[in-house]
Amino acid sequence: MTVSRGRRVLLVAVASTALAGCGVQPSGIIHGSSPPSGAVAPAASTTLYFVSGGWLEPVARGPMSPAEALGALAGGPTAEERARGLTSEVPPAAAPFTVTTDVSGRTVVTTSVPGGELSALAVEQIVCTAAADGGPVVLVGARDDSPVGCPPWY
């Protein structure tokens, strides 16, 4: 069965008219408001991971940058936190830390000591504290430079 050329033209014209008549009227350029500017508000708190009984224990502290949070790990828990039995495996010599983001969005942490000299718990403390956004972390100089995340049981 073939459709004549005239019928095809008529079908295209009817379809075009139906689509053009959908109620959308042309308009001029619509200008939006300016995008927000200024400093981003800091997070209400920062979570640090200290050690208690061989496991990581999250502790909320005031807002701070990722490098400051890692420096706080190296500084150890406060007197109040120590009274609750919290310790840190991250040695003071590990500070200062450099925290950057690579092109794939991973958090890259560099310590002031070779990462291979850190205990497994110290590495977990650093990774969990640096992984505040839940993304993978690369600890430069660790036994394995593969991206890691905070273990799901923390």
N, C-alpha and C. Protein backbone atom coordinates (compact mmCIF):
# COMPACT_ATOMS: atom_id res chain seq x y z
N MET A 1 0.84 -1.16 0.00
CA MET A 1 0.00 0.00 0.00
C MET A 1 0.89 1.23 0.00
N THR A 2 0.65 2.09 -0.93
CA THR A 2 1.45 3.30 -1.03
C THR A 2 0.58 4.51 -0.75
N VAL A 3 1.22 5.51 -0.22
CA VAL A 3 0.52 6.76 0.07
C VAL A 3 0.97 7.75 -0.97
N SER A 4 0.03 8.43 -1.58
CA SER A 4 0.38 9.37 -2.63
C SER A 4 1.14 10.55 -2.03
N ARG A 5 1.84 11.22 -2.89
CA ARG A 5 2.65 12.36 -2.46
C ARG A 5 1.77 13.44 -1.86
N GLY A 6 0.64 13.67 -2.38
CA GLY A 6 -0.28 14.69 -1.87
C GLY A 6 -0.75 14.36 -0.46
N ARG A 7 -1.03 13.07 -0.22
CA ARG A 7 -1.47 12.67 1.12
C ARG A 7 -0.33 12.84 2.14
N ARG A 8 0.90 12.51 1.71
CA ARG A 8 2.04 12.69 2.61
C ARG A 8 2.21 14.15 2.99
N VAL A 9 2.10 15.03 2.01
CA VAL A 9 2.23 16.47 2.28
C VAL A 9 1.13 16.91 3.23
N LEU A 10 -0.09 16.42 3.00
CA LEU A 10 -1.22 16.77 3.87
C LEU A 10 -0.99 16.26 5.29
N LEU A 11 -0.49 15.01 5.44
CA LEU A 11 -0.22 14.46 6.77
C LEU A 11 0.86 15.26 7.50
N VAL A 12 1.91 15.64 6.80
CA VAL A 12 2.97 16.44 7.40
C VAL A 12 2.43 17.80 7.82
N ALA A 13 1.60 18.41 7.00
CA ALA A 13 1.03 19.72 7.32
C ALA A 13 0.13 19.64 8.54
N VAL A 14 -0.71 18.59 8.62
CA VAL A 14 -1.60 18.42 9.77
C VAL A 14 -0.78 18.18 11.04
N ALA A 15 0.24 17.33 10.96
CA ALA A 15 1.08 17.05 12.12
C ALA A 15 1.82 18.30 12.58
N SER A 16 2.33 19.08 11.64
CA SER A 16 3.04 20.31 11.99
C SER A 16 2.11 21.31 12.65
N THR A 17 0.89 21.43 12.15
CA THR A 17 -0.09 22.34 12.73
C THR A 17 -0.45 21.91 14.15
N ALA A 18 -0.62 20.60 14.35
CA ALA A 18 -0.99 20.09 15.67
C ALA A 18 0.14 20.36 16.67
N LEU A 19 1.36 20.13 16.24
CA LEU A 19 2.49 20.36 17.14
C LEU A 19 2.71 21.84 17.41
N ALA A 20 2.51 22.67 16.42
CA ALA A 20 2.71 24.10 16.59
C ALA A 20 1.62 24.72 17.45
N GLY A 21 0.48 24.11 17.51
CA GLY A 21 -0.63 24.68 18.27
C GLY A 21 -0.72 24.17 19.69
N CYS A 22 0.39 23.82 20.29
CA CYS A 22 0.32 23.25 21.63
C CYS A 22 0.17 24.30 22.73
N GLY A 23 0.06 25.54 22.40
CA GLY A 23 -0.20 26.57 23.39
C GLY A 23 1.01 27.31 23.88
N VAL A 24 2.19 26.98 23.43
CA VAL A 24 3.38 27.69 23.87
C VAL A 24 3.57 28.89 22.96
N GLN A 25 3.57 30.04 23.56
CA GLN A 25 3.72 31.27 22.79
C GLN A 25 5.18 31.70 22.81
N PRO A 26 5.67 32.26 21.74
CA PRO A 26 7.05 32.74 21.74
C PRO A 26 7.18 33.92 22.71
N SER A 27 8.35 34.08 23.26
CA SER A 27 8.59 35.20 24.17
C SER A 27 9.97 35.76 23.90
N GLY A 28 10.23 36.90 24.47
CA GLY A 28 11.55 37.50 24.36
C GLY A 28 12.51 36.82 25.32
N ILE A 29 13.68 37.38 25.43
CA ILE A 29 14.69 36.84 26.34
C ILE A 29 14.26 37.09 27.77
N ILE A 30 14.33 36.06 28.59
CA ILE A 30 13.99 36.19 30.00
C ILE A 30 15.29 36.14 30.78
N HIS A 31 15.58 37.21 31.50
CA HIS A 31 16.83 37.30 32.26
C HIS A 31 16.58 36.85 33.69
N GLY A 32 17.44 35.97 34.19
CA GLY A 32 17.35 35.53 35.58
C GLY A 32 18.14 36.45 36.48
N SER A 33 18.02 36.21 37.75
CA SER A 33 18.78 37.02 38.71
C SER A 33 20.23 36.55 38.72
N SER A 34 21.08 37.29 39.38
CA SER A 34 22.49 36.94 39.47
C SER A 34 22.67 35.70 40.33
N PRO A 35 23.68 34.90 40.02
CA PRO A 35 23.94 33.71 40.85
C PRO A 35 24.43 34.15 42.23
N PRO A 36 24.27 33.28 43.22
CA PRO A 36 24.77 33.62 44.55
C PRO A 36 26.28 33.83 44.52
N SER A 37 26.76 34.71 45.35
CA SER A 37 28.19 34.94 45.42
C SER A 37 28.61 35.06 46.88
N GLY A 38 29.89 35.03 47.10
CA GLY A 38 30.40 35.16 48.46
C GLY A 38 30.89 33.83 48.97
N ALA A 39 31.34 33.84 50.20
CA ALA A 39 31.90 32.64 50.81
C ALA A 39 30.80 31.64 51.13
N VAL A 40 31.14 30.38 51.01
CA VAL A 40 30.22 29.31 51.36
C VAL A 40 30.20 29.19 52.88
N ALA A 41 29.02 29.05 53.43
CA ALA A 41 28.90 28.91 54.88
C ALA A 41 29.57 27.62 55.33
N PRO A 42 30.39 27.67 56.37
CA PRO A 42 31.04 26.44 56.83
C PRO A 42 30.03 25.47 57.42
N ALA A 43 30.39 24.22 57.42
CA ALA A 43 29.53 23.20 58.02
C ALA A 43 29.36 23.51 59.50
N ALA A 44 28.23 23.10 60.05
CA ALA A 44 27.95 23.36 61.46
C ALA A 44 28.93 22.62 62.36
N SER A 45 29.41 21.47 61.91
CA SER A 45 30.38 20.72 62.71
C SER A 45 31.23 19.85 61.79
N THR A 46 32.32 19.38 62.34
CA THR A 46 33.24 18.49 61.63
C THR A 46 33.35 17.21 62.45
N THR A 47 33.32 16.07 61.78
CA THR A 47 33.45 14.80 62.49
C THR A 47 34.89 14.31 62.41
N LEU A 48 35.47 14.10 63.59
CA LEU A 48 36.80 13.50 63.71
C LEU A 48 36.61 12.07 64.19
N TYR A 49 37.52 11.21 63.83
CA TYR A 49 37.44 9.81 64.26
C TYR A 49 38.63 9.48 65.16
N PHE A 50 38.35 9.29 66.45
CA PHE A 50 39.36 8.89 67.42
C PHE A 50 39.20 7.40 67.69
N VAL A 51 40.08 6.84 68.51
CA VAL A 51 40.10 5.40 68.78
C VAL A 51 39.59 5.13 70.19
N SER A 52 38.74 4.11 70.30
CA SER A 52 38.25 3.66 71.60
C SER A 52 38.12 2.14 71.54
N GLY A 53 38.90 1.44 72.36
CA GLY A 53 38.83 -0.02 72.39
C GLY A 53 39.18 -0.67 71.07
N GLY A 54 40.08 -0.06 70.30
CA GLY A 54 40.49 -0.64 69.03
C GLY A 54 39.57 -0.33 67.86
N TRP A 55 38.53 0.48 68.09
CA TRP A 55 37.59 0.86 67.05
C TRP A 55 37.55 2.37 66.92
N LEU A 56 37.12 2.84 65.76
CA LEU A 56 36.98 4.29 65.58
C LEU A 56 35.68 4.77 66.22
N GLU A 57 35.77 5.94 66.80
CA GLU A 57 34.63 6.56 67.46
C GLU A 57 34.47 7.97 66.90
N PRO A 58 33.32 8.29 66.26
CA PRO A 58 33.14 9.65 65.73
C PRO A 58 32.94 10.67 66.85
N VAL A 59 33.56 11.82 66.67
CA VAL A 59 33.46 12.92 67.63
C VAL A 59 33.17 14.19 66.85
N ALA A 60 32.13 14.91 67.24
CA ALA A 60 31.79 16.17 66.57
C ALA A 60 32.61 17.30 67.18
N ARG A 61 33.19 18.09 66.31
CA ARG A 61 33.93 19.30 66.71
C ARG A 61 33.35 20.46 65.91
N GLY A 62 33.77 21.64 66.22
CA GLY A 62 33.32 22.82 65.49
C GLY A 62 33.78 22.78 64.04
N PRO A 63 33.28 23.71 63.22
CA PRO A 63 33.65 23.71 61.81
C PRO A 63 35.15 23.96 61.61
N MET A 64 35.74 23.21 60.69
CA MET A 64 37.15 23.38 60.35
C MET A 64 37.39 22.79 58.97
N SER A 65 38.49 23.19 58.36
CA SER A 65 38.86 22.66 57.04
C SER A 65 39.31 21.21 57.20
N PRO A 66 39.35 20.45 56.09
CA PRO A 66 39.83 19.07 56.18
C PRO A 66 41.25 18.98 56.74
N ALA A 67 42.15 19.88 56.33
CA ALA A 67 43.52 19.84 56.85
C ALA A 67 43.55 20.15 58.34
N GLU A 68 42.72 21.08 58.79
CA GLU A 68 42.65 21.39 60.22
C GLU A 68 42.10 20.19 61.00
N ALA A 69 41.11 19.52 60.44
CA ALA A 69 40.53 18.34 61.10
C ALA A 69 41.58 17.25 61.27
N LEU A 70 42.38 17.03 60.23
CA LEU A 70 43.43 16.02 60.32
C LEU A 70 44.51 16.45 61.31
N GLY A 71 44.81 17.74 61.35
CA GLY A 71 45.75 18.26 62.35
C GLY A 71 45.24 18.03 63.76
N ALA A 72 43.92 18.14 63.94
CA ALA A 72 43.32 17.88 65.26
C ALA A 72 43.48 16.41 65.65
N LEU A 73 43.44 15.51 64.67
CA LEU A 73 43.70 14.09 64.97
C LEU A 73 45.12 13.92 65.50
N ALA A 74 46.07 14.58 64.84
CA ALA A 74 47.47 14.47 65.26
C ALA A 74 47.68 15.12 66.63
N GLY A 75 46.87 16.13 66.94
CA GLY A 75 46.95 16.78 68.24
C GLY A 75 46.34 15.96 69.35
N GLY A 76 45.54 14.98 68.97
CA GLY A 76 44.93 14.09 69.95
C GLY A 76 43.62 14.62 70.50
N PRO A 77 42.93 13.78 71.25
CA PRO A 77 41.65 14.18 71.82
C PRO A 77 41.82 15.23 72.92
N THR A 78 40.75 15.96 73.18
CA THR A 78 40.75 16.94 74.27
C THR A 78 40.76 16.19 75.60
N ALA A 79 40.96 16.93 76.69
CA ALA A 79 40.97 16.31 78.03
C ALA A 79 39.64 15.60 78.29
N GLU A 80 38.55 16.22 77.89
CA GLU A 80 37.23 15.61 78.08
C GLU A 80 37.10 14.32 77.27
N GLU A 81 37.60 14.35 76.03
CA GLU A 81 37.54 13.16 75.18
C GLU A 81 38.45 12.05 75.73
N ARG A 82 39.62 12.43 76.25
CA ARG A 82 40.52 11.43 76.86
C ARG A 82 39.86 10.80 78.09
N ALA A 83 39.11 11.61 78.85
CA ALA A 83 38.40 11.08 80.02
C ALA A 83 37.37 10.04 79.62
N ARG A 84 36.87 10.15 78.38
CA ARG A 84 35.90 9.16 77.87
C ARG A 84 36.61 7.96 77.26
N GLY A 85 37.94 7.92 77.35
CA GLY A 85 38.69 6.77 76.85
C GLY A 85 39.15 6.87 75.41
N LEU A 86 39.05 8.05 74.80
CA LEU A 86 39.44 8.21 73.40
C LEU A 86 40.94 8.50 73.29
N THR A 87 41.55 7.94 72.26
CA THR A 87 42.96 8.16 71.96
C THR A 87 43.09 8.41 70.46
N SER A 88 44.32 8.65 70.02
CA SER A 88 44.58 8.79 68.59
C SER A 88 45.83 8.01 68.23
N GLU A 89 45.75 7.30 67.13
CA GLU A 89 46.90 6.57 66.59
C GLU A 89 47.70 7.45 65.63
N VAL A 90 47.16 8.62 65.28
CA VAL A 90 47.84 9.52 64.35
C VAL A 90 48.92 10.27 65.14
N PRO A 91 50.20 10.08 64.79
CA PRO A 91 51.27 10.72 65.56
C PRO A 91 51.33 12.22 65.29
N PRO A 92 51.77 13.00 66.28
CA PRO A 92 51.90 14.45 66.09
C PRO A 92 52.79 14.80 64.89
N ALA A 93 53.79 13.97 64.60
CA ALA A 93 54.70 14.24 63.48
C ALA A 93 54.01 14.15 62.13
N ALA A 94 52.81 13.58 62.07
CA ALA A 94 52.09 13.46 60.79
C ALA A 94 51.58 14.81 60.30
N ALA A 95 51.42 15.77 61.21
CA ALA A 95 50.96 17.11 60.83
C ALA A 95 52.17 17.96 60.43
N PRO A 96 51.99 18.95 59.57
CA PRO A 96 50.74 19.34 58.94
C PRO A 96 50.38 18.44 57.77
N PHE A 97 49.11 18.46 57.43
CA PHE A 97 48.56 17.67 56.33
C PHE A 97 48.26 18.58 55.15
N THR A 98 48.37 18.02 53.96
CA THR A 98 47.91 18.72 52.76
C THR A 98 46.73 17.93 52.23
N VAL A 99 45.62 18.63 51.97
CA VAL A 99 44.42 17.97 51.46
C VAL A 99 44.01 18.67 50.17
N THR A 100 43.95 17.92 49.09
CA THR A 100 43.54 18.45 47.79
C THR A 100 42.51 17.52 47.17
N THR A 101 41.99 17.91 46.03
CA THR A 101 41.05 17.08 45.27
C THR A 101 41.65 16.88 43.89
N ASP A 102 41.72 15.62 43.43
CA ASP A 102 42.27 15.38 42.10
C ASP A 102 41.18 15.54 41.04
N VAL A 103 41.56 15.38 39.77
CA VAL A 103 40.63 15.63 38.67
C VAL A 103 39.42 14.70 38.67
N SER A 104 39.54 13.54 39.30
CA SER A 104 38.40 12.62 39.34
C SER A 104 37.54 12.83 40.59
N GLY A 105 37.86 13.86 41.39
CA GLY A 105 37.04 14.17 42.55
C GLY A 105 37.43 13.47 43.83
N ARG A 106 38.51 12.72 43.79
CA ARG A 106 38.96 12.02 45.01
C ARG A 106 39.71 12.99 45.91
N THR A 107 39.57 12.81 47.21
CA THR A 107 40.32 13.59 48.18
C THR A 107 41.71 12.98 48.31
N VAL A 108 42.74 13.80 48.16
CA VAL A 108 44.12 13.33 48.23
C VAL A 108 44.76 13.93 49.48
N VAL A 109 45.22 13.07 50.38
CA VAL A 109 45.82 13.50 51.65
C VAL A 109 47.30 13.17 51.64
N THR A 110 48.12 14.16 51.98
CA THR A 110 49.56 13.96 52.13
C THR A 110 49.92 14.28 53.57
N THR A 111 50.61 13.36 54.23
CA THR A 111 51.04 13.58 55.61
C THR A 111 52.49 14.04 55.63
N SER A 112 52.95 14.51 56.78
CA SER A 112 54.34 14.94 56.91
C SER A 112 55.27 13.79 57.28
N VAL A 113 54.73 12.59 57.42
CA VAL A 113 55.53 11.38 57.62
C VAL A 113 55.14 10.41 56.51
N PRO A 114 56.02 9.49 56.15
CA PRO A 114 55.63 8.51 55.13
C PRO A 114 54.39 7.74 55.57
N GLY A 115 53.42 7.67 54.69
CA GLY A 115 52.17 6.99 55.01
C GLY A 115 52.36 5.55 55.41
N GLY A 116 53.42 4.91 54.90
CA GLY A 116 53.69 3.53 55.23
C GLY A 116 54.09 3.33 56.69
N GLU A 117 54.45 4.41 57.38
CA GLU A 117 54.83 4.32 58.79
C GLU A 117 53.62 4.43 59.72
N LEU A 118 52.45 4.67 59.18
CA LEU A 118 51.25 4.82 60.00
C LEU A 118 50.62 3.46 60.28
N SER A 119 50.06 3.31 61.47
CA SER A 119 49.35 2.06 61.80
C SER A 119 48.06 1.98 60.98
N ALA A 120 47.50 0.80 60.91
CA ALA A 120 46.24 0.61 60.18
C ALA A 120 45.14 1.48 60.77
N LEU A 121 45.09 1.58 62.10
CA LEU A 121 44.06 2.42 62.73
C LEU A 121 44.29 3.89 62.43
N ALA A 122 45.55 4.34 62.37
CA ALA A 122 45.84 5.73 62.02
C ALA A 122 45.36 6.03 60.61
N VAL A 123 45.60 5.09 59.69
CA VAL A 123 45.14 5.27 58.31
C VAL A 123 43.61 5.36 58.29
N GLU A 124 42.93 4.50 59.04
CA GLU A 124 41.46 4.56 59.08
C GLU A 124 40.99 5.87 59.68
N GLN A 125 41.66 6.36 60.73
CA GLN A 125 41.29 7.65 61.31
C GLN A 125 41.39 8.75 60.27
N ILE A 126 42.51 8.78 59.54
CA ILE A 126 42.73 9.82 58.54
C ILE A 126 41.70 9.71 57.42
N VAL A 127 41.50 8.50 56.91
CA VAL A 127 40.58 8.31 55.79
C VAL A 127 39.16 8.68 56.19
N CYS A 128 38.69 8.20 57.33
CA CYS A 128 37.31 8.48 57.75
C CYS A 128 37.10 9.97 58.02
N THR A 129 38.08 10.62 58.61
CA THR A 129 37.96 12.06 58.88
C THR A 129 38.00 12.84 57.58
N ALA A 130 38.86 12.46 56.64
CA ALA A 130 38.98 13.17 55.36
C ALA A 130 37.81 12.89 54.44
N ALA A 131 37.14 11.75 54.62
CA ALA A 131 36.04 11.35 53.72
C ALA A 131 34.71 11.90 54.19
N ALA A 132 34.70 13.13 54.66
CA ALA A 132 33.47 13.73 55.19
C ALA A 132 32.35 13.73 54.15
N ASP A 133 32.70 13.86 52.86
CA ASP A 133 31.68 13.86 51.81
C ASP A 133 31.32 12.46 51.34
N GLY A 134 31.96 11.45 51.92
CA GLY A 134 31.65 10.07 51.56
C GLY A 134 32.41 9.56 50.36
N GLY A 135 33.20 10.41 49.72
CA GLY A 135 33.94 9.99 48.54
C GLY A 135 35.23 9.27 48.89
N PRO A 136 35.89 8.72 47.86
CA PRO A 136 37.14 7.99 48.11
C PRO A 136 38.29 8.92 48.48
N VAL A 137 39.23 8.39 49.25
CA VAL A 137 40.40 9.14 49.71
C VAL A 137 41.65 8.40 49.26
N VAL A 138 42.64 9.14 48.79
CA VAL A 138 43.94 8.58 48.46
C VAL A 138 44.92 9.13 49.50
N LEU A 139 45.55 8.25 50.26
CA LEU A 139 46.56 8.64 51.23
C LEU A 139 47.92 8.43 50.58
N VAL A 140 48.58 9.54 50.23
CA VAL A 140 49.85 9.48 49.52
C VAL A 140 50.90 8.83 50.41
N GLY A 141 51.62 7.87 49.85
CA GLY A 141 52.69 7.20 50.57
C GLY A 141 52.24 6.05 51.44
N ALA A 142 50.95 5.77 51.46
CA ALA A 142 50.46 4.63 52.24
C ALA A 142 50.94 3.34 51.58
N ARG A 143 50.76 2.25 52.27
CA ARG A 143 51.21 0.96 51.74
C ARG A 143 50.60 0.69 50.37
N ASP A 144 49.41 1.21 50.15
CA ASP A 144 48.70 1.04 48.88
C ASP A 144 48.09 2.39 48.53
N ASP A 145 48.51 2.97 47.41
CA ASP A 145 48.00 4.29 47.01
C ASP A 145 46.62 4.23 46.38
N SER A 146 45.94 3.09 46.45
CA SER A 146 44.61 2.98 45.87
C SER A 146 43.63 3.82 46.67
N PRO A 147 42.61 4.37 46.00
CA PRO A 147 41.60 5.12 46.74
C PRO A 147 40.86 4.21 47.71
N VAL A 148 40.62 4.70 48.90
CA VAL A 148 39.89 3.93 49.90
C VAL A 148 38.78 4.79 50.48
N GLY A 149 37.82 4.14 51.07
CA GLY A 149 36.74 4.85 51.73
C GLY A 149 36.71 4.46 53.19
N CYS A 150 35.92 5.18 53.94
CA CYS A 150 35.76 4.85 55.35
C CYS A 150 35.01 3.52 55.42
N PRO A 151 35.50 2.55 56.18
CA PRO A 151 34.80 1.27 56.27
C PRO A 151 33.34 1.46 56.66
N PRO A 152 32.44 0.69 56.09
CA PRO A 152 31.00 0.90 56.31
C PRO A 152 30.55 0.70 57.75
N TRP A 153 31.35 0.03 58.57
CA TRP A 153 30.91 -0.19 59.95
C TRP A 153 31.17 1.01 60.83
N TYR A 154 31.76 2.11 60.28
CA TYR A 154 31.97 3.31 61.09
C TYR A 154 30.92 4.31 60.81
